[in-house]
């Protein structure tokens, strides 16, 4: 469901373009002496529904691109039946979107409005109505240089959606959105029972702790670099971009086995404990290409994938043995539960899993720093207590 009053002015002229993928730039802004265009001002703006409705007619900049809406052009009045979370390692398969649709609508056809958020000037919404029976889907792109008015206008579009999806790319772009009315609107979608998810960089920002890639591109932070010095200056974190209950005291990492990221994820976990952002029961979540982790309203996470190979890895930590600047990481007694089958699951409320498990350690002084078998199904079976 959208707030019609909030978006009526914002989308003037888009009706004829709703079947097109061409972006429609927002009107050229009229220069004003307002001081609220900076990041600090954006984070302090009243972002409640009334504010969104009144601010939607503000002049926006070319950094805001609103693409034509796919599917039904009216608003769905569906009250969502979630909430839910999807961490997508680069999969974005039909099974993922089918799960999202069922979670928000109970499987009812042509229900649920999707807003796809991206920092890139490209339309990513078309496939949502093609592969699952959503009511509508629309892409909103916020490019570098977005103003406070842009964030408010984007928030007005998100305000009534049942699903918000963050595309892949560079998570540092999303980190810049923290504290804006847009992210407050995304939070409200989740809080009222919607689904929030993302792929790759869009997945990374959903944990309570985020490898923010503000000092270097994320792919430059390899396991080799991470375990050699957990405090290398290119490593940096941001906390609580969103507050999604099951992902409290969690940090996530996509493209997992393909880029050998177990050591990198272990370092991320060690830093959160060492720096006081998480207790020793911190969780690290790794998702392979070709897989996704779907977490339902009860906090139960299950793997989604088309094949048997891609996995989801939930690693429970503890206090690291050595996590200091200039010294290799030593992190013993880590335990990983691999979700690889339909019966495997992880309870993020009780922080226990049902699946194959194993205990291992990371030693940055050794080569390799951990056994290759950490990506295989462990010989032990873990089960949550009844």
Protein backbone atom coordinates (compact mmCIF):
# COMPACT_ATOMS: atom_id res chain seq x y z
CA UNK A 1 0.00 0.00 0.00
CA UNK A 2 1.34 3.45 -0.93
CA UNK A 3 0.47 6.79 0.63
CA UNK A 4 -1.27 8.21 -2.43
CA UNK A 5 -1.10 11.79 -1.16
CA UNK A 6 2.61 11.45 -0.56
CA UNK A 7 3.48 10.34 -4.07
CA UNK A 8 0.80 12.02 -6.17
CA UNK A 9 2.89 15.10 -6.89
CA UNK A 10 6.18 13.24 -7.01
CA UNK A 11 5.07 10.94 -9.85
CA UNK A 12 3.36 13.52 -12.08
CA UNK A 13 4.10 12.63 -15.70
CA UNK A 14 5.09 9.04 -14.95
CA UNK A 15 1.72 7.46 -15.72
CA UNK A 16 2.45 7.09 -19.42
CA UNK A 17 5.91 5.78 -18.70
CA UNK A 18 4.92 3.00 -16.34
CA UNK A 19 5.44 0.31 -18.95
CA UNK A 20 8.80 1.72 -19.92
CA UNK A 21 12.20 1.15 -18.38
CA UNK A 22 13.52 4.60 -19.18
CA UNK A 23 14.30 6.69 -16.09
CA UNK A 24 12.38 9.86 -15.43
CA UNK A 25 14.63 12.43 -13.74
CA UNK A 26 12.91 14.51 -11.10
CA UNK A 27 12.33 18.23 -11.78
CA UNK A 28 15.38 20.47 -11.79
CA UNK A 29 15.68 22.00 -8.31
CA UNK A 30 15.17 25.69 -7.73
CA UNK A 31 18.16 26.98 -5.74
CA UNK A 32 17.25 27.94 -2.21
CA UNK A 33 19.28 29.07 0.77
CA UNK A 34 18.01 26.13 2.82
CA UNK A 35 20.68 24.57 4.99
CA UNK A 36 18.99 21.17 5.33
CA UNK A 37 20.60 19.61 2.26
CA UNK A 38 23.62 18.26 4.17
CA UNK A 39 23.85 14.76 5.69
CA UNK A 40 23.46 15.97 9.26
CA UNK A 41 20.32 17.90 8.42
CA UNK A 42 18.94 14.93 6.49
CA UNK A 43 19.29 12.68 9.50
CA UNK A 44 17.38 15.08 11.75
CA UNK A 45 14.35 15.67 9.51
CA UNK A 46 10.94 14.57 10.82
CA UNK A 47 10.34 11.51 8.65
CA UNK A 48 6.87 10.56 9.86
CA UNK A 49 4.04 9.95 7.35
CA UNK A 50 2.69 13.51 7.61
CA UNK A 51 6.12 14.94 6.91
CA UNK A 52 6.52 12.66 3.91
CA UNK A 53 3.21 13.81 2.45
CA UNK A 54 3.95 17.49 2.83
CA UNK A 55 7.55 17.30 1.64
CA UNK A 56 6.92 15.24 -1.50
CA UNK A 57 6.36 18.35 -3.63
CA UNK A 58 9.80 19.76 -2.79
CA UNK A 59 12.21 20.35 -5.64
CA UNK A 60 14.51 17.36 -6.01
CA UNK A 61 17.84 16.96 -7.77
CA UNK A 62 18.98 14.91 -10.76
CA UNK A 63 20.48 12.43 -8.28
CA UNK A 64 16.99 10.99 -7.73
CA UNK A 65 15.76 8.75 -10.56
CA UNK A 66 12.26 7.28 -10.31
CA UNK A 67 11.57 4.60 -12.92
CA UNK A 68 8.16 3.65 -14.27
CA UNK A 69 6.04 1.40 -12.09
CA UNK A 70 5.55 -2.16 -13.36
CA UNK A 71 2.33 -4.08 -12.87
CA UNK A 72 -0.79 -2.48 -11.42
CA UNK A 73 -0.66 1.30 -11.17
CA UNK A 74 -3.06 1.43 -8.23
CA UNK A 75 -1.92 0.89 -4.65
CA UNK A 76 -2.39 -2.44 -2.91
CA UNK A 77 -4.18 -2.15 0.43
CA UNK A 78 -2.68 -5.44 1.63
CA UNK A 79 -1.60 -5.56 5.29
CA UNK A 80 1.65 -7.57 5.08
CA UNK A 81 1.86 -10.84 7.00
CA UNK A 82 5.60 -10.87 7.80
CA UNK A 83 8.04 -9.51 8.70
CA UNK A 84 10.78 -11.28 6.82
CA UNK A 85 14.41 -10.82 5.82
CA UNK A 86 16.31 -12.12 2.79
CA UNK A 87 20.11 -12.23 2.58
CA UNK A 88 20.96 -13.01 -1.04
CA UNK A 89 24.52 -13.96 -1.91
CA UNK A 90 24.03 -13.12 -5.58
CA UNK A 91 21.19 -15.53 -6.37
CA UNK A 92 17.99 -13.50 -6.94
CA UNK A 93 16.21 -16.63 -8.12
CA UNK A 94 12.53 -17.33 -8.66
CA UNK A 95 12.36 -19.32 -5.43
CA UNK A 96 13.53 -16.26 -3.49
CA UNK A 97 10.88 -13.97 -4.91
CA UNK A 98 8.23 -16.62 -4.49
CA UNK A 99 9.16 -16.88 -0.79
CA UNK A 100 8.99 -13.10 -0.40
CA UNK A 101 5.59 -12.96 -2.10
CA UNK A 102 4.21 -15.74 0.10
CA UNK A 103 5.58 -14.07 3.23
CA UNK A 104 3.91 -10.71 2.63
CA UNK A 105 0.70 -11.91 0.97
CA UNK A 106 0.12 -15.49 2.08
CA UNK A 107 0.45 -16.43 -1.58
CA UNK A 108 -2.49 -14.34 -2.80
CA UNK A 109 -2.11 -13.43 -6.46
CA UNK A 110 -1.36 -9.85 -7.51
CA UNK A 111 -0.66 -8.66 -4.00
CA UNK A 112 2.24 -6.71 -2.52
CA UNK A 113 4.03 -3.61 -3.79
CA UNK A 114 7.81 -3.86 -4.24
CA UNK A 115 10.24 -0.94 -4.19
CA UNK A 116 13.75 -1.71 -5.45
CA UNK A 117 16.38 0.70 -4.10
CA UNK A 118 19.68 1.13 -5.90
CA UNK A 119 22.61 3.57 -6.04
CA UNK A 120 22.90 2.94 -9.79
CA UNK A 121 20.98 4.58 -12.64
CA UNK A 122 19.34 1.39 -13.87
CA UNK A 123 15.88 -0.14 -13.60
CA UNK A 124 15.85 -3.46 -11.72
CA UNK A 125 12.13 -3.86 -11.04
CA UNK A 126 10.81 -5.60 -14.15
CA UNK A 127 11.61 -9.18 -13.20
CA UNK A 128 9.74 -8.90 -9.90
CA UNK A 129 6.31 -8.90 -11.53
CA UNK A 130 7.46 -11.37 -14.18
CA UNK A 131 8.59 -14.18 -11.87
CA UNK A 132 6.22 -13.73 -8.89
CA UNK A 133 2.66 -12.50 -8.61
CA UNK A 134 3.32 -9.12 -7.03
CA UNK A 135 0.88 -6.26 -7.37
CA UNK A 136 3.54 -3.84 -8.59
CA UNK A 137 7.27 -3.13 -8.59
CA UNK A 138 9.20 0.10 -9.01
CA UNK A 139 12.86 1.13 -8.93
CA UNK A 140 14.07 4.22 -7.10
CA UNK A 141 17.71 5.16 -7.72
CA UNK A 142 19.65 7.58 -5.53
CA UNK A 143 22.96 8.60 -7.06
CA UNK A 144 25.91 10.48 -5.60
CA UNK A 145 24.96 13.97 -4.53
CA UNK A 146 21.44 13.12 -3.34
CA UNK A 147 19.91 15.93 -1.28
CA UNK A 148 17.71 15.92 1.78
CA UNK A 149 14.72 16.56 -0.50
CA UNK A 150 15.69 13.52 -2.59
CA UNK A 151 15.73 11.30 0.48
CA UNK A 152 12.35 12.60 1.59
CA UNK A 153 10.86 12.03 -1.86
CA UNK A 154 12.25 8.48 -1.99
CA UNK A 155 10.90 7.84 1.51
CA UNK A 156 7.44 8.89 0.35
CA UNK A 157 7.53 6.18 -2.33
CA UNK A 158 8.81 3.51 0.07
CA UNK A 159 6.37 4.46 2.81
CA UNK A 160 3.58 2.07 1.86
CA UNK A 161 5.50 -0.73 0.14
CA UNK A 162 5.26 -4.29 1.41
CA UNK A 163 8.72 -5.24 0.11
CA UNK A 164 11.97 -3.27 -0.10
CA UNK A 165 14.91 -4.74 -1.99
CA UNK A 166 18.48 -3.36 -2.11
CA UNK A 167 20.44 -4.25 -5.25
CA UNK A 168 24.12 -5.18 -5.35
CA UNK A 169 26.93 -2.75 -6.04
CA UNK A 170 28.98 -0.80 -3.51
CA UNK A 171 27.74 -0.89 0.07
CA UNK A 172 29.50 2.40 0.83
CA UNK A 173 26.78 4.06 -1.26
CA UNK A 174 24.12 2.60 1.03
CA UNK A 175 26.06 3.51 4.16
CA UNK A 176 25.68 7.16 3.13
CA UNK A 177 21.91 6.71 3.44
CA UNK A 178 22.08 5.92 7.16
CA UNK A 179 19.98 8.25 9.29
CA UNK A 180 17.96 9.62 6.37
CA UNK A 181 14.16 9.64 6.09
CA UNK A 182 14.55 6.98 3.39
CA UNK A 183 16.08 4.44 5.75
CA UNK A 184 13.53 5.35 8.41
CA UNK A 185 10.83 4.50 5.87
CA UNK A 186 12.51 1.15 5.10
CA UNK A 187 12.62 0.40 8.82
CA UNK A 188 8.88 1.05 9.10
CA UNK A 189 8.15 -1.36 6.24
CA UNK A 190 9.84 -4.11 8.24
CA UNK A 191 8.29 -3.06 11.54
CA UNK A 192 4.76 -3.31 10.14
CA UNK A 193 5.29 -6.78 8.68
CA UNK A 194 6.95 -6.28 5.32
CA UNK A 195 10.01 -7.99 3.87
CA UNK A 196 13.38 -6.26 3.59
CA UNK A 197 16.11 -7.96 1.59
CA UNK A 198 19.13 -7.39 -0.57
CA UNK A 199 21.67 -9.01 -2.82
CA UNK A 200 25.47 -8.82 -2.45
CA UNK A 201 26.20 -5.28 -1.20
CA UNK A 202 22.49 -4.94 -0.51
CA UNK A 203 22.73 -7.97 1.76
CA UNK A 204 25.80 -6.70 3.59
CA UNK A 205 24.01 -3.63 4.96
CA UNK A 206 21.25 -5.64 6.69
CA UNK A 207 23.24 -6.96 9.65
CA UNK A 208 23.59 -4.87 12.80
CA UNK A 209 27.31 -4.54 12.04
CA UNK A 210 28.37 -3.69 8.49
CA UNK A 211 31.66 -3.99 6.62
CA UNK A 212 31.08 -0.57 5.10
CA UNK A 213 33.83 -0.48 2.41
CA UNK A 214 34.30 3.24 2.98
CA UNK A 215 38.11 2.97 2.96
CA UNK A 216 38.50 0.59 0.01
CA UNK A 217 36.33 -1.57 -2.23
CA UNK A 218 34.95 -4.58 -0.40
CA UNK A 219 36.67 -7.07 -2.70
CA UNK A 220 40.05 -5.65 -1.69
CA UNK A 221 39.51 -6.91 1.86
CA UNK A 222 40.57 -10.51 1.29
CA UNK A 223 40.93 -13.26 3.86
CA UNK A 224 44.70 -12.96 3.50
CA UNK A 225 44.62 -9.28 4.41
CA UNK A 226 41.99 -9.74 7.13
CA UNK A 227 43.76 -12.43 9.14
CA UNK A 228 47.19 -10.80 8.79
CA UNK A 229 46.04 -7.68 10.67
CA UNK A 230 42.43 -7.25 11.84
CA UNK A 231 43.10 -3.51 12.27
CA UNK A 232 44.46 -2.82 8.81
CA UNK A 233 43.37 0.79 8.10
CA UNK A 234 41.30 -0.20 5.07
CA UNK A 235 38.92 -2.15 7.34
CA UNK A 236 36.04 -0.10 8.68
CA UNK A 237 32.57 -0.75 10.08
CA UNK A 238 29.24 1.03 10.48
CA UNK A 239 26.64 -0.01 13.02
CA UNK A 240 22.85 -0.25 12.82
CA UNK A 241 22.01 1.08 9.39
CA UNK A 242 18.77 -0.81 10.00
CA UNK A 243 17.52 -2.67 13.07
CA UNK A 244 16.16 -6.01 11.92
CA UNK A 245 15.57 -8.03 15.09
CA UNK A 246 16.93 -11.47 14.08
CA UNK A 247 20.11 -9.86 12.73
CA UNK A 248 21.09 -8.18 15.99
CA UNK A 249 24.73 -8.95 16.90
CA UNK A 250 25.24 -10.28 13.37
CA UNK A 251 27.50 -9.42 10.45
CA UNK A 252 27.02 -10.81 6.94
CA UNK A 253 29.17 -11.66 3.92
CA UNK A 254 28.12 -12.74 0.38
CA UNK A 255 29.99 -14.60 -2.42
CA UNK A 256 31.26 -16.76 0.39
CA UNK A 257 32.99 -19.95 -0.74
CA UNK A 258 33.74 -18.54 -4.19
CA UNK A 259 35.96 -15.86 -2.65
CA UNK A 260 37.13 -17.89 0.37
CA UNK A 261 35.72 -15.45 2.90
CA UNK A 262 35.61 -17.56 6.07
CA UNK A 263 38.73 -15.85 7.43
CA UNK A 264 37.43 -12.43 6.49
CA UNK A 265 34.09 -13.15 8.20
CA UNK A 266 35.91 -14.41 11.29
CA UNK A 267 37.88 -11.17 11.43
CA UNK A 268 34.68 -9.15 11.10
CA UNK A 269 33.23 -11.05 14.06
CA UNK A 270 36.38 -10.67 16.16
CA UNK A 271 36.41 -6.93 15.60
CA UNK A 272 32.80 -6.49 16.71
CA UNK A 273 33.53 -8.27 19.99
CA UNK A 274 36.90 -6.61 20.55
CA UNK A 275 35.55 -3.13 19.75
CA UNK A 276 32.51 -3.54 22.01
CA UNK A 277 29.81 -3.60 19.34
CA UNK A 278 28.74 -7.20 20.02
CA UNK A 279 28.85 -9.72 22.83
CA UNK A 280 30.92 -12.89 22.36
CA UNK A 281 27.87 -14.74 21.00
CA UNK A 282 28.19 -12.69 17.81
CA UNK A 283 27.07 -14.45 14.63
CA UNK A 284 28.65 -14.29 11.20
CA UNK A 285 26.48 -15.24 8.22
CA UNK A 286 28.09 -16.29 4.94
CA UNK A 287 26.01 -16.89 1.82
CA UNK A 288 27.30 -18.54 -1.35
CA UNK A 289 26.59 -17.33 -4.86
CA UNK A 290 23.46 -19.16 -5.94
CA UNK A 291 21.90 -19.19 -2.47
CA UNK A 292 19.91 -16.96 -0.15
CA UNK A 293 18.97 -17.04 3.52
CA UNK A 294 15.29 -16.33 4.21
CA UNK A 295 14.35 -15.48 7.81
CA UNK A 296 10.66 -15.64 8.72
CA UNK A 297 8.66 -13.69 11.30
CA UNK A 298 9.62 -16.20 14.00
CA UNK A 299 13.33 -15.65 13.39
CA UNK A 300 13.84 -19.03 11.70
CA UNK A 301 16.23 -18.91 8.76
CA UNK A 302 16.32 -21.39 5.89
CA UNK A 303 18.41 -21.70 2.76
CA UNK A 304 16.88 -20.96 -0.62
CA UNK A 305 18.62 -22.22 -3.78
CA UNK A 306 17.93 -23.96 -7.06
CA UNK A 307 20.64 -26.59 -6.58
CA UNK A 308 22.30 -28.58 -3.81
CA UNK A 309 25.77 -27.03 -3.97
CA UNK A 310 25.38 -23.41 -2.76
CA UNK A 311 25.27 -23.14 1.02
CA UNK A 312 24.56 -20.78 3.88
CA UNK A 313 26.99 -20.73 6.81
CA UNK A 314 26.12 -19.45 10.28
CA UNK A 315 29.23 -19.03 12.42
CA UNK A 316 28.99 -18.50 16.17
CA UNK A 317 31.93 -16.76 17.75
CA UNK A 318 33.35 -16.07 21.17
CA UNK A 319 36.05 -13.83 22.52
CA UNK A 320 38.99 -13.80 20.06
CA UNK A 321 42.33 -15.00 21.41
CA UNK A 322 44.36 -12.33 19.60
CA UNK A 323 42.79 -9.38 17.78
CA UNK A 324 45.23 -6.48 17.93
CA UNK A 325 46.63 -3.91 15.55
CA UNK A 326 49.64 -5.18 13.65
CA UNK A 327 49.24 -8.80 14.77
CA UNK A 328 47.74 -11.81 13.00
CA UNK A 329 44.27 -12.86 14.09
CA UNK A 330 43.93 -15.89 16.35
CA UNK A 331 40.32 -16.92 16.91
CA UNK A 332 39.69 -20.37 18.32
CA UNK A 333 36.58 -22.41 19.02
CA UNK A 334 34.41 -21.03 16.23
CA UNK A 335 31.43 -23.17 15.35
CA UNK A 336 29.77 -23.23 11.95
CA UNK A 337 26.39 -24.69 11.04
CA UNK A 338 25.97 -25.22 7.30
CA UNK A 339 22.48 -24.97 5.88
CA UNK A 340 22.50 -27.15 2.79
CA UNK A 341 19.20 -29.04 2.73
CA UNK A 342 15.48 -28.37 3.03
CA UNK A 343 15.37 -29.60 6.63
CA UNK A 344 18.27 -27.40 7.78
CA UNK A 345 17.46 -24.20 9.66
CA UNK A 346 18.83 -21.66 12.10
CA UNK A 347 16.91 -20.06 14.96
CA UNK A 348 18.21 -16.50 15.20
CA UNK A 349 16.17 -15.84 18.34
CA UNK A 350 17.62 -18.74 20.34
CA UNK A 351 20.88 -18.67 18.33
CA UNK A 352 21.00 -22.39 17.63
CA UNK A 353 20.87 -24.40 14.43
CA UNK A 354 19.58 -27.62 12.94
CA UNK A 355 22.10 -28.97 10.49
CA UNK A 356 25.61 -30.29 9.97
CA UNK A 357 28.14 -28.52 12.20
CA UNK A 358 31.82 -28.40 13.05
CA UNK A 359 34.19 -26.51 15.33
CA UNK A 360 37.30 -24.85 13.91
CA UNK A 361 39.75 -22.05 14.55
CA UNK A 362 41.46 -19.28 12.60
CA UNK A 363 45.20 -18.77 13.02
CA UNK A 364 46.61 -15.90 11.00
CA UNK A 365 50.14 -17.16 11.70
CA UNK A 366 49.48 -20.40 9.79
CA UNK A 367 49.14 -21.15 6.10
CA UNK A 368 46.34 -21.85 5.40
CA UNK A 369 44.82 -20.09 8.42
CA UNK A 370 42.01 -22.66 8.70
CA UNK A 371 41.22 -26.03 7.10
CA UNK A 372 39.49 -26.12 3.72
CA UNK A 373 36.92 -28.46 5.27
CA UNK A 374 35.17 -25.50 6.95
CA UNK A 375 33.06 -25.15 3.80
CA UNK A 376 31.96 -28.79 3.85
CA UNK A 377 29.12 -30.21 5.90
CA UNK A 378 30.55 -30.97 9.33
CA UNK A 379 30.61 -34.45 10.80
CA UNK A 380 28.54 -33.35 13.80
CA UNK A 381 24.81 -32.71 13.83
CA UNK A 382 23.54 -29.70 15.72
CA UNK A 383 19.94 -29.44 16.85
CA UNK A 384 18.15 -26.74 18.79
CA UNK A 385 16.85 -27.95 22.15
CA UNK A 386 13.11 -28.67 22.24
